[in-house]
Protein backbone atom coordinates (compact mmCIF):
# COMPACT_ATOMS: atom_id res chain seq x y z
CA MET A 1 10.68 15.31 -6.80
CA GLU A 2 7.15 15.13 -5.34
CA GLN A 3 4.73 12.71 -6.68
CA PRO A 4 2.12 14.54 -8.84
CA PHE A 5 -1.46 14.10 -7.73
CA THR A 6 -4.72 14.43 -9.45
CA ILE A 7 -7.03 16.12 -6.73
CA PHE A 8 -10.79 16.46 -6.79
CA ILE A 9 -12.59 19.09 -4.82
CA VAL A 10 -16.29 18.56 -4.50
CA GLU A 11 -17.72 21.85 -3.13
CA ASP A 12 -21.02 23.65 -3.97
CA ASP A 13 -20.11 26.95 -2.50
CA PRO A 14 -18.46 28.65 -5.73
CA TRP A 15 -16.18 31.21 -3.61
CA TYR A 16 -15.01 28.54 -1.07
CA GLY A 17 -14.38 25.96 -3.98
CA GLN A 18 -12.30 28.39 -5.78
CA LEU A 19 -10.47 29.30 -2.59
CA LEU A 20 -9.45 25.72 -2.13
CA HIS A 21 -8.74 25.33 -5.86
CA TYR A 22 -6.43 28.21 -5.88
CA HIS A 23 -4.51 27.13 -2.71
CA LEU A 24 -3.95 23.51 -3.83
CA SER A 25 -3.03 24.54 -7.50
CA LEU A 26 0.03 26.25 -5.90
CA ASN A 27 1.77 23.02 -6.59
CA PRO A 28 2.27 23.16 -10.37
CA ASP A 29 2.64 19.34 -10.62
CA ASP A 30 -0.72 18.55 -9.38
CA THR A 31 -3.96 18.48 -11.48
CA VAL A 32 -6.82 20.03 -9.38
CA GLN A 33 -10.40 19.55 -10.48
CA LEU A 34 -13.31 21.38 -8.89
CA TRP A 35 -16.86 19.66 -9.05
CA ALA A 36 -20.14 21.41 -7.78
CA SER A 37 -22.08 18.30 -6.94
CA GLY A 38 -21.37 14.64 -5.81
CA GLN A 39 -22.95 13.41 -9.06
CA GLU A 40 -20.34 15.23 -11.11
CA CYS A 41 -17.54 13.73 -8.90
CA LEU A 42 -18.93 10.29 -9.51
CA ASP A 43 -19.29 10.87 -13.24
CA ASN A 44 -15.68 11.82 -13.56
CA MET A 45 -14.02 9.05 -11.32
CA HIS A 46 -12.64 7.68 -14.57
CA LEU A 47 -9.93 10.42 -14.34
CA ARG A 48 -8.60 8.21 -11.41
CA PRO A 49 -7.98 10.86 -8.78
CA ASP A 50 -5.36 10.40 -5.92
CA VAL A 51 -7.40 12.09 -3.53
CA VAL A 52 -11.01 13.30 -3.22
CA THR A 53 -12.08 16.15 -0.83
CA ILE A 54 -15.93 16.43 -0.28
CA ASP A 55 -18.06 18.96 1.39
CA PHE A 56 -20.29 17.20 3.93
CA SER A 57 -23.40 19.23 2.89
CA LEU A 58 -23.97 19.04 -0.96
CA PRO A 59 -27.20 19.89 -2.78
CA ASP A 60 -27.72 16.42 -4.34
CA ILE A 61 -26.20 13.90 -2.02
CA SER A 62 -25.05 14.24 1.64
CA GLY A 63 -21.31 13.65 2.35
CA ASP A 64 -21.75 10.38 4.33
CA LYS A 65 -23.77 8.98 1.31
CA LEU A 66 -21.11 10.13 -1.30
CA LEU A 67 -18.27 8.79 0.99
CA ALA A 68 -20.16 5.41 1.17
CA ARG A 69 -20.45 5.25 -2.62
CA LEU A 70 -16.83 6.26 -3.10
CA ARG A 71 -15.52 3.61 -0.61
CA LEU A 72 -17.65 1.03 -2.38
CA ARG A 73 -16.61 1.56 -5.83
CA TRP A 74 -13.00 3.03 -5.39
CA PRO A 75 -11.78 1.78 -2.03
CA GLU A 76 -8.18 2.72 -2.95
CA VAL A 77 -8.87 6.41 -3.32
CA PRO A 78 -8.43 8.46 -0.06
CA VAL A 79 -11.44 10.72 0.76
CA ILE A 80 -11.10 13.83 3.04
CA VAL A 81 -14.40 15.31 4.35
CA ILE A 82 -14.76 19.00 5.04
CA SER A 83 -17.62 20.27 7.06
CA ALA A 84 -18.88 23.22 8.94
CA GLN A 85 -19.98 20.81 11.67
CA SER A 86 -17.53 20.54 14.48
CA LYS A 87 -19.44 17.73 16.36
CA ILE A 88 -17.06 15.00 17.36
CA THR A 89 -19.56 12.23 16.81
CA THR A 90 -19.95 13.32 13.16
CA ALA A 91 -16.17 13.14 12.75
CA VAL A 92 -15.89 9.69 14.47
CA GLN A 93 -18.77 8.38 12.30
CA LEU A 94 -17.23 9.54 9.04
CA LEU A 95 -13.75 8.24 9.95
CA LYS A 96 -15.16 4.88 10.98
CA ALA A 97 -17.07 4.85 7.52
CA GLY A 98 -13.68 5.19 5.69
CA ALA A 99 -12.80 8.74 5.67
CA THR A 100 -9.10 9.42 5.60
CA ASP A 101 -9.54 12.81 7.44
CA TYR A 102 -12.18 15.05 8.74
CA LEU A 103 -11.63 19.01 8.60
CA VAL A 104 -13.87 21.58 10.15
CA LYS A 105 -14.40 24.63 7.84
CA ASP A 106 -12.44 27.71 9.34
CA ASP A 107 -9.74 30.07 8.32
CA ASN A 108 -7.01 27.21 8.61
CA THR A 109 -8.77 24.76 6.55
CA LYS A 110 -6.96 25.27 3.28
CA ASP A 111 -3.62 24.80 5.16
CA LEU A 112 -4.80 21.83 6.89
CA LEU A 113 -6.03 20.30 3.63
CA TRP A 114 -2.59 21.11 2.16
CA ASN A 115 -0.82 19.36 4.98
CA ALA A 116 -3.29 16.37 4.80
CA ILE A 117 -2.51 15.89 1.07
CA GLN A 118 1.24 16.19 1.67
CA LYS A 119 0.92 13.26 4.33
CA LEU A 120 -0.91 11.06 1.72
CA ARG A 121 1.80 12.05 -0.77
CA GLU A 122 4.41 10.81 1.61
CA THR A 123 2.50 7.63 2.49
CA ASN A 124 2.04 6.80 -1.22
CA SER A 125 5.66 7.27 -1.87
CA LEU A 126 6.57 5.03 1.05
CA ARG A 127 4.12 2.46 -0.19
CA GLU A 128 5.65 2.52 -3.57
CA GLN A 129 9.14 2.25 -2.09
CA VAL A 130 8.15 -0.77 -0.08
CA LYS A 131 6.52 -2.35 -3.15
CA ARG A 132 9.91 -1.87 -5.12
CA LEU A 133 11.95 -3.36 -2.21
CA GLU A 134 9.31 -6.32 -2.06
CA ASP A 135 9.76 -6.75 -5.69
CA GLN A 136 13.56 -6.52 -5.51
CA LEU A 137 13.54 -9.20 -2.77
CA GLN A 138 11.17 -11.41 -4.75
CA ASN A 139 13.56 -11.17 -7.63
CA LYS A 140 16.56 -11.84 -5.47
CA TYR A 141 15.13 -15.21 -4.41
CA ASP A 142 13.82 -16.18 -7.88
CA PHE A 143 14.50 -19.93 -8.23
CA ASN A 144 16.34 -19.48 -11.44
CA LYS A 145 18.73 -17.07 -9.86
CA ILE A 146 19.69 -18.75 -6.62
CA MET A 147 20.30 -22.13 -8.54
CA LYS A 148 21.96 -21.75 -11.97
CA GLY A 149 22.00 -24.49 -14.46
CA HIS A 150 20.31 -26.58 -17.07
CA SER A 151 21.07 -30.20 -15.79
CA ALA A 152 18.27 -32.57 -15.33
CA ALA A 153 19.11 -32.55 -11.54
CA ILE A 154 18.67 -28.96 -11.32
CA ALA A 155 15.44 -28.95 -13.30
CA GLY A 156 13.91 -31.41 -10.96
CA ILE A 157 14.79 -29.27 -7.99
CA PHE A 158 13.14 -26.35 -9.63
CA GLY A 159 9.92 -28.38 -10.03
CA LEU A 160 10.04 -29.42 -6.42
CA MET A 161 10.74 -26.02 -5.26
CA GLU A 162 7.79 -24.69 -6.84
CA LYS A 163 5.61 -27.28 -5.39
CA ALA A 164 7.09 -26.64 -2.00
CA ALA A 165 6.22 -22.89 -2.26
CA GLN A 166 2.48 -23.60 -3.40
CA THR A 167 1.85 -26.09 -0.44
CA PRO A 168 1.92 -25.64 3.35
CA VAL A 169 3.63 -28.90 4.23
CA ASN A 170 7.06 -29.01 5.86
CA VAL A 171 10.10 -29.26 3.75
CA SER A 172 13.22 -31.26 4.47
CA ILE A 173 16.40 -30.35 2.50
CA THR A 174 19.35 -32.66 2.17
CA GLY A 175 22.74 -31.65 0.74
CA GLU A 176 26.34 -31.25 1.35
CA THR A 177 27.86 -28.09 2.81
CA GLY A 178 27.86 -25.44 0.10
CA THR A 179 24.97 -26.50 -1.97
CA GLY A 180 22.76 -23.53 -0.87
CA LYS A 181 20.37 -25.18 1.59
CA GLU A 182 19.50 -21.90 3.29
CA LEU A 183 19.17 -20.04 0.00
CA VAL A 184 16.75 -22.74 -1.16
CA ALA A 185 14.75 -22.40 2.12
CA LYS A 186 14.54 -18.78 1.88
CA ALA A 187 13.47 -18.72 -1.73
CA ILE A 188 10.59 -21.09 -0.90
CA HIS A 189 9.48 -18.88 1.78
CA MET A 190 9.64 -15.67 -0.52
CA LYS A 191 7.54 -17.49 -2.97
CA SER A 192 4.99 -18.75 -0.62
CA GLY A 193 1.82 -17.27 0.88
CA ARG A 194 3.91 -16.54 3.93
CA HIS A 195 6.45 -14.43 2.25
CA LYS A 196 5.32 -11.08 3.99
CA LYS A 197 5.87 -12.97 7.34
CA PRO A 198 9.15 -13.70 9.18
CA PHE A 199 11.68 -16.07 7.92
CA VAL A 200 13.83 -17.11 10.91
CA ALA A 201 17.09 -19.31 10.34
CA VAL A 202 18.66 -21.29 13.15
CA ASN A 203 21.86 -23.28 12.76
CA MET A 204 21.31 -26.00 15.38
CA ALA A 205 24.87 -27.18 15.23
CA ALA A 206 26.10 -23.86 16.30
CA ILE A 207 24.23 -23.63 19.44
CA PRO A 208 25.35 -25.56 22.63
CA THR A 209 22.69 -28.19 23.71
CA GLU A 210 22.12 -26.70 27.00
CA LEU A 211 21.02 -23.43 25.42
CA LEU A 212 19.19 -24.78 22.45
CA GLU A 213 15.74 -25.35 24.42
CA SER A 214 15.70 -21.70 25.37
CA GLU A 215 16.77 -20.61 22.03
CA LEU A 216 14.04 -22.52 20.23
CA PHE A 217 11.16 -22.09 22.64
CA GLY A 218 12.15 -19.05 24.83
CA HIS A 219 12.18 -18.67 28.50
CA GLU A 220 10.44 -16.81 31.42
CA LYS A 221 12.38 -14.64 33.85
CA GLY A 222 13.81 -16.61 36.54
CA ALA A 223 13.53 -19.90 34.55
CA PHE A 224 17.20 -20.54 35.47
CA THR A 225 20.10 -18.56 37.00
CA SER A 226 21.04 -16.45 34.16
CA ALA A 227 17.34 -15.81 32.94
CA VAL A 228 17.11 -12.23 34.04
CA ALA A 229 14.39 -11.24 31.54
CA ARG A 230 11.75 -13.04 29.34
CA LYS A 231 13.29 -14.40 26.06
CA ILE A 232 11.12 -14.93 23.05
CA GLY A 233 12.28 -18.19 21.25
CA LYS A 234 12.68 -18.72 17.45
CA PHE A 235 9.32 -20.58 17.14
CA GLU A 236 7.61 -17.44 18.38
CA GLU A 237 9.78 -15.13 16.25
CA ALA A 238 8.74 -17.13 13.23
CA ASN A 239 5.06 -17.26 14.07
CA GLY A 240 2.90 -16.85 10.87
CA GLY A 241 6.07 -17.43 8.81
CA THR A 242 8.84 -19.92 8.30
CA LEU A 243 11.25 -21.37 10.64
CA PHE A 244 14.43 -22.81 9.06
CA LEU A 245 16.22 -25.28 11.35
CA ASP A 246 19.52 -26.14 9.66
CA GLU A 247 21.59 -29.21 10.54
CA ILE A 248 18.80 -30.90 12.27
CA GLY A 249 20.46 -34.24 12.03
CA ASP A 250 22.76 -33.02 14.85
CA LEU A 251 19.87 -32.49 17.28
CA HIS A 252 20.26 -33.91 20.92
CA PRO A 253 17.80 -36.55 21.71
CA ALA A 254 16.25 -34.53 24.74
CA ILE A 255 15.54 -31.60 22.27
CA GLN A 256 14.24 -33.96 19.68
CA SER A 257 11.49 -35.05 21.98
CA LYS A 258 10.48 -31.37 22.96
CA LEU A 259 10.51 -30.43 19.29
CA LEU A 260 8.14 -33.25 18.43
CA ARG A 261 5.84 -32.23 21.04
CA VAL A 262 5.75 -28.75 19.72
CA LEU A 263 5.12 -29.83 16.28
CA GLN A 264 2.38 -32.28 17.18
CA GLU A 265 0.38 -29.89 19.56
CA ARG A 266 1.14 -26.67 17.32
CA GLU A 267 1.97 -24.94 20.62
CA LEU A 268 4.68 -24.40 23.10
CA GLN A 269 5.41 -23.35 26.68
CA ARG A 270 8.44 -21.24 27.36
CA VAL A 271 11.10 -22.70 29.60
CA GLY A 272 9.78 -21.83 33.18
CA GLY A 273 6.34 -20.75 31.86
CA ASN A 274 2.85 -22.13 32.18
CA GLU A 275 1.29 -20.22 29.10
CA HIS A 276 0.32 -22.28 26.05
CA ILE A 277 1.37 -20.24 23.12
CA LYS A 278 -0.33 -21.26 19.79
CA LEU A 279 1.91 -21.54 16.77
CA ASP A 280 1.41 -21.17 12.96
CA VAL A 281 4.82 -21.87 11.51
CA ARG A 282 5.90 -23.46 8.36
CA LEU A 283 8.91 -25.68 9.15
CA ILE A 284 11.81 -26.19 6.70
CA THR A 285 14.67 -28.36 7.84
CA ALA A 286 18.16 -29.06 6.52
CA THR A 287 20.93 -31.53 7.13
CA HIS A 288 23.98 -32.85 5.41
CA LYS A 289 23.29 -36.28 6.85
CA SER A 290 20.82 -38.95 5.71
CA LEU A 291 18.09 -38.71 8.30
CA ALA A 292 16.82 -42.31 7.31
CA GLU A 293 20.17 -43.64 8.27
CA GLU A 294 20.32 -41.69 11.48
CA VAL A 295 17.01 -43.20 12.33
CA LYS A 296 18.31 -46.81 11.58
CA ASN A 297 21.25 -45.90 13.61
CA ASN A 298 18.95 -44.80 16.63
CA ASN A 299 20.43 -41.35 16.42
CA PHE A 300 17.15 -39.67 15.37
CA ARG A 301 13.57 -40.20 16.38
CA GLU A 302 11.51 -42.02 13.79
CA ASP A 303 8.41 -40.27 14.75
CA LEU A 304 10.05 -36.78 14.54
CA TYR A 305 11.50 -37.87 11.13
CA TYR A 306 8.13 -38.41 9.71
CA ARG A 307 6.78 -35.34 11.33
CA ILE A 308 9.40 -33.11 9.52
CA ILE A 309 10.06 -35.11 6.35
CA GLY A 310 7.15 -33.57 4.37
CA LEU A 311 8.27 -32.75 0.97
CA PRO A 312 12.17 -33.87 0.62
CA LEU A 313 14.47 -31.89 -1.53
CA LEU A 314 18.00 -33.39 -2.26
CA LEU A 315 20.38 -30.80 -3.58
CA PRO A 316 23.16 -32.37 -5.81
CA PRO A 317 26.70 -31.23 -5.39
CA LEU A 318 28.53 -29.61 -8.37
CA ARG A 319 30.42 -32.71 -9.09
CA GLU A 320 27.19 -34.36 -10.04
CA ARG A 321 26.16 -31.40 -12.32
CA GLY A 322 28.80 -31.77 -14.97
CA SER A 323 26.71 -30.05 -17.59
CA ASP A 324 26.40 -27.04 -15.53
CA VAL A 325 30.14 -26.39 -14.62
CA LEU A 326 30.65 -24.26 -17.78
CA PHE A 327 27.32 -22.60 -17.63
CA LEU A 328 28.07 -21.56 -13.94
CA ALA A 329 31.56 -20.29 -14.73
CA LYS A 330 30.31 -18.21 -17.49
CA HIS A 331 27.43 -16.78 -15.21
CA PHE A 332 29.94 -15.87 -12.49
CA VAL A 333 32.32 -14.11 -14.75
CA ASP A 334 29.32 -12.06 -16.19
CA GLU A 335 28.41 -11.26 -12.62
CA PHE A 336 31.83 -10.06 -11.72
CA CYS A 337 31.92 -7.85 -14.94
CA ARG A 338 28.59 -6.30 -13.86
CA GLU A 339 29.32 -5.97 -10.28
CA TYR A 340 32.72 -4.16 -10.92
CA GLN A 341 31.71 -2.47 -14.15
CA LYS A 342 34.12 -4.29 -16.28
CA PRO A 343 33.74 -4.83 -20.02
CA PRO A 344 32.39 -8.35 -20.78
CA LEU A 345 34.97 -11.22 -20.60
CA ALA A 346 34.96 -14.58 -22.30
CA LEU A 347 36.47 -17.77 -21.04
CA ALA A 348 39.37 -18.96 -23.10
CA PRO A 349 38.96 -22.26 -25.01
CA ALA A 350 41.66 -23.79 -22.88
CA THR A 351 39.95 -22.77 -19.72
CA GLN A 352 36.62 -24.20 -20.91
CA GLU A 353 38.21 -27.49 -21.73
CA LYS A 354 39.79 -27.85 -18.24
CA LEU A 355 36.42 -26.91 -16.45
CA GLN A 356 34.74 -29.72 -18.60
CA ALA A 357 37.58 -32.32 -18.14
């Protein structure tokens, strides 16, 4: 179903105004209002039109001045200017001033106007779809949905996640495999001011050391034997957004040095390149190891440790969240029933006792 529009036509020529009104009213879902002056249009903007079409030559106010007033007070409302003038310079000036479209009065104007409004309708529909998807994504990564529980340990994590989302500092996450480190990292990104920018995740332990520098920082064509084309690295992919480096505790010392330099200088050079590429990246790292112990054992650079540690988050394993076990079990049963459209199920008392044993 098409999105219904409220359309304002501002036209002082009664015959031409009625022609446009009749043509645009062929869509029964739309509400079309005809105003004979710019002031009438301004006086009725409280009706919240979805689009305004204005004649360039009105008796009380010129089209460019009416456009300026509309853009100043109602910048979200598209304005289409219709004029008998076919000068390119006039069209360019009005488009630069904020007009959505500029149509020259002729026999095809009514059809061109119809098409222009249809395009606006499609754009609005796409914008609403994007907004719905963004809301769904935000909801998916709601802190209370990715980490269920009422224990004191989880309550503390929620508070730190909120703080991490609201500040630009780097974040380091420590936790055993399966504690949801990447989910937490993505949730922080989605709740931060960078949520419309990329979130790029890299599992450092899964990439061979000899390929890791190129993977992180990119390379130029011919930088090495197999470099047949330029490659953009993960840092560049994440520019403006968040880079999540998982299992950073396994990072080779040679790559640690290069990573430190990039973080210090906030710029990089691709392998085999000379160009200095500026970076604006929020770094979130994760590991199942104690980086402090790795520093003591000379396995991890101390200066890099202090560069990435930022706001530390320690994710507790389930065995340390005893009071959450029954809550989580009920949650997953409910999720199963919803997903597979089953009637609600309850855990038997004996099952609950075993879970809490």
